[in-house]
Protein backbone atom coordinates (compact mmCIF):
# COMPACT_ATOMS: atom_id res chain seq x y z
CA MET A 1 44.85 -31.99 10.01
CA ALA A 2 42.21 -30.19 12.05
CA ALA A 3 41.26 -31.49 15.47
CA SER A 4 37.85 -33.06 15.54
CA ILE A 5 35.23 -31.89 17.99
CA PRO A 6 32.89 -34.55 19.30
CA ILE A 7 29.32 -34.21 18.11
CA GLY A 8 27.10 -32.56 20.71
CA LYS A 9 29.99 -30.61 22.27
CA THR A 10 29.84 -27.64 19.87
CA ALA A 11 26.57 -26.23 21.22
CA ALA A 12 27.94 -26.17 24.77
CA ARG A 13 30.95 -24.12 23.65
CA GLU A 14 29.01 -21.62 21.58
CA GLU A 15 28.02 -18.28 23.04
CA ARG A 16 24.47 -18.01 24.31
CA ALA A 17 22.33 -14.90 24.38
CA ASP A 18 21.69 -13.38 27.78
CA LEU A 19 18.34 -12.41 29.26
CA SER A 20 18.56 -8.82 28.00
CA ALA A 21 19.03 -10.05 24.43
CA TRP A 22 15.95 -12.28 24.70
CA LEU A 23 13.95 -9.43 26.24
CA ALA A 24 14.96 -7.24 23.31
CA VAL A 25 13.85 -9.97 20.88
CA ALA A 26 10.53 -10.32 22.73
CA ALA A 27 9.98 -6.54 22.73
CA GLY A 28 10.80 -6.30 19.02
CA SER A 29 8.46 -9.19 18.28
CA LEU A 30 5.73 -7.51 20.32
CA GLY A 31 6.15 -4.37 18.22
CA ALA A 32 5.80 -6.43 15.04
CA LEU A 33 2.70 -8.07 16.54
CA LEU A 34 1.16 -4.65 17.15
CA ALA A 35 1.87 -3.63 13.55
CA THR A 36 0.22 -6.71 12.05
CA LEU A 37 -2.58 -6.73 14.60
CA ASP A 38 -3.48 -3.14 13.83
CA VAL A 39 -4.06 -3.90 10.15
CA SER A 40 -6.41 -6.80 10.79
CA ILE A 41 -8.31 -5.12 13.64
CA VAL A 42 -9.17 -2.12 11.49
CA ASN A 43 -10.05 -4.22 8.45
CA SER A 44 -12.55 -6.25 10.45
CA ALA A 45 -13.96 -3.18 12.21
CA LEU A 46 -14.05 -0.99 9.09
CA PRO A 47 -17.85 -0.96 8.68
CA THR A 48 -18.24 0.18 12.30
CA ILE A 49 -15.52 2.81 11.92
CA GLN A 50 -17.13 4.12 8.72
CA GLY A 51 -20.47 4.43 10.50
CA GLU A 52 -18.95 6.25 13.47
CA ILE A 53 -17.25 8.91 11.37
CA GLY A 54 -19.91 9.11 8.65
CA ALA A 55 -17.73 7.81 5.82
CA THR A 56 -19.09 6.13 2.71
CA GLY A 57 -17.82 2.73 1.60
CA THR A 58 -15.51 4.33 -0.96
CA GLU A 59 -14.17 6.84 1.55
CA GLY A 60 -13.71 4.08 4.11
CA THR A 61 -11.24 2.25 1.90
CA TRP A 62 -8.84 5.15 2.48
CA ILE A 63 -8.76 4.27 6.17
CA ALA A 64 -7.14 0.92 5.39
CA THR A 65 -5.23 2.07 2.30
CA SER A 66 -3.51 5.01 4.00
CA PHE A 67 -1.97 2.67 6.58
CA LEU A 68 -0.74 0.17 4.00
CA VAL A 69 0.71 2.77 1.61
CA ALA A 70 2.57 4.50 4.44
CA GLU A 71 3.86 1.16 5.74
CA ILE A 72 5.08 0.11 2.29
CA ILE A 73 6.92 3.40 1.88
CA ILE A 74 8.73 3.23 5.24
CA ILE A 75 9.80 -0.44 5.29
CA PRO A 76 12.63 0.00 2.74
CA LEU A 77 13.71 3.22 4.49
CA SER A 78 14.01 1.53 7.90
CA ALA A 79 17.65 0.52 7.45
CA TRP A 80 18.59 4.08 6.55
CA LEU A 81 16.61 5.47 9.50
CA GLU A 82 18.29 2.98 11.81
CA ARG A 83 21.73 4.13 10.66
CA LEU A 84 20.67 7.76 11.00
CA LEU A 85 19.01 7.55 14.43
CA GLY A 86 20.32 4.31 15.92
CA LEU A 87 18.20 1.24 16.65
CA ARG A 88 17.08 2.27 20.15
CA THR A 89 16.12 5.78 19.14
CA LEU A 90 14.26 4.56 16.06
CA LEU A 91 12.31 2.03 18.12
CA PHE A 92 11.52 4.58 20.83
CA VAL A 93 10.32 7.13 18.29
CA ALA A 94 8.32 4.52 16.34
CA VAL A 95 6.58 3.10 19.41
CA THR A 96 5.87 6.55 20.87
CA LEU A 97 4.47 7.90 17.61
CA PHE A 98 2.53 4.69 16.94
CA THR A 99 0.86 5.12 20.32
CA GLY A 100 0.13 8.78 19.62
CA PHE A 101 -1.33 8.05 16.19
CA SER A 102 -3.41 5.23 17.70
CA ILE A 103 -4.87 7.70 20.20
CA LEU A 104 -5.57 10.10 17.33
CA CYS A 105 -7.47 7.32 15.52
CA GLY A 106 -9.39 6.56 18.69
CA VAL A 107 -10.62 10.14 19.07
CA ALA A 108 -11.12 10.83 15.35
CA ASP A 109 -14.60 11.99 14.51
CA ASP A 110 -14.06 12.72 10.82
CA LEU A 111 -12.50 10.99 7.83
CA THR A 112 -9.54 13.35 7.47
CA THR A 113 -8.39 12.87 11.06
CA MET A 114 -8.79 9.12 10.75
CA ILE A 115 -6.75 9.00 7.52
CA ILE A 116 -3.98 11.12 9.07
CA GLY A 117 -3.93 8.85 12.13
CA ARG A 118 -3.90 5.69 10.02
CA ALA A 119 -1.11 7.01 7.77
CA GLY A 120 0.91 7.89 10.88
CA GLN A 121 0.31 4.42 12.28
CA GLY A 122 1.45 2.92 8.99
CA ILE A 123 4.68 4.91 8.92
CA THR A 124 5.56 3.94 12.46
CA ALA A 125 4.37 0.32 12.18
CA GLY A 126 6.45 -0.05 9.04
CA ALA A 127 9.55 0.68 11.10
CA LEU A 128 8.64 -1.89 13.78
CA ILE A 129 8.69 -4.99 11.58
CA PRO A 130 12.20 -4.74 10.06
CA THR A 131 13.72 -3.50 13.32
CA ALA A 132 12.38 -6.60 15.07
CA MET A 133 14.27 -8.69 12.56
CA THR A 134 17.36 -6.55 13.06
CA ILE A 135 17.22 -7.20 16.81
CA VAL A 136 17.18 -10.95 16.18
CA ALA A 137 20.14 -10.68 13.79
CA THR A 138 22.23 -8.43 16.02
CA ARG A 139 21.42 -9.52 19.57
CA LEU A 140 21.40 -13.30 19.17
CA PRO A 141 24.36 -15.50 18.26
CA PRO A 142 23.98 -17.28 14.89
CA HIS A 143 22.96 -20.65 16.38
CA GLN A 144 20.10 -19.02 18.35
CA GLN A 145 18.82 -16.79 15.54
CA PRO A 146 16.43 -19.46 14.18
CA ILE A 147 14.69 -19.52 17.57
CA GLY A 148 14.45 -15.72 17.54
CA MET A 149 13.10 -15.72 13.98
CA ALA A 150 10.54 -18.37 14.96
CA LEU A 151 9.38 -16.15 17.85
CA PHE A 152 9.16 -13.22 15.44
CA GLY A 153 7.26 -15.37 12.92
CA VAL A 154 4.74 -16.56 15.49
CA THR A 155 3.95 -13.03 16.61
CA VAL A 156 3.59 -11.78 13.04
CA ILE A 157 1.17 -14.62 12.27
CA LEU A 158 -0.80 -14.03 15.48
CA GLY A 159 -1.66 -10.45 14.47
CA PRO A 160 -3.87 -11.34 11.50
CA VAL A 161 -5.38 -14.24 13.46
CA LEU A 162 -6.27 -12.22 16.57
CA GLY A 163 -7.22 -8.98 14.78
CA PRO A 164 -10.66 -10.06 13.54
CA LEU A 165 -11.47 -11.49 16.97
CA ILE A 166 -10.62 -8.20 18.64
CA GLY A 167 -11.92 -5.90 15.89
CA ALA A 168 -15.28 -7.60 15.50
CA GLY A 169 -15.94 -7.73 19.24
């Protein structure tokens, strides 16, 4: 017969994540926030962006669509890229390129440059969301993973909420 463990004592014996694990979860969640925030900022600012680069309404839809198509393509490839490059390298490359493509979008003065920048943002943002979930699953012990997933969930929900506030302002 197995020895019984008093209720309430199991949590004290279970391994707890250290500060570096929680910092990794926070950084991954921040990356996912940037990915979701970027979509909603651009969608709310699309009329202004179209006016600045001289794009018609039909042409302007490519600004949003290029990001989403690129993101949808890369999300299922993220696990393969993580195995190929390693989690840290993939995150470093994704964040660095996301920043570079964001700068390209900021200086774009024509539709082609904007679409290239948005597609690049989509590819790199698409890698940020699943890797954030991977960080939660690999860096936190099983009993703390729900807290990490809740943090991830809150940041992913905040992006679409904050985006229109930032993009319309």
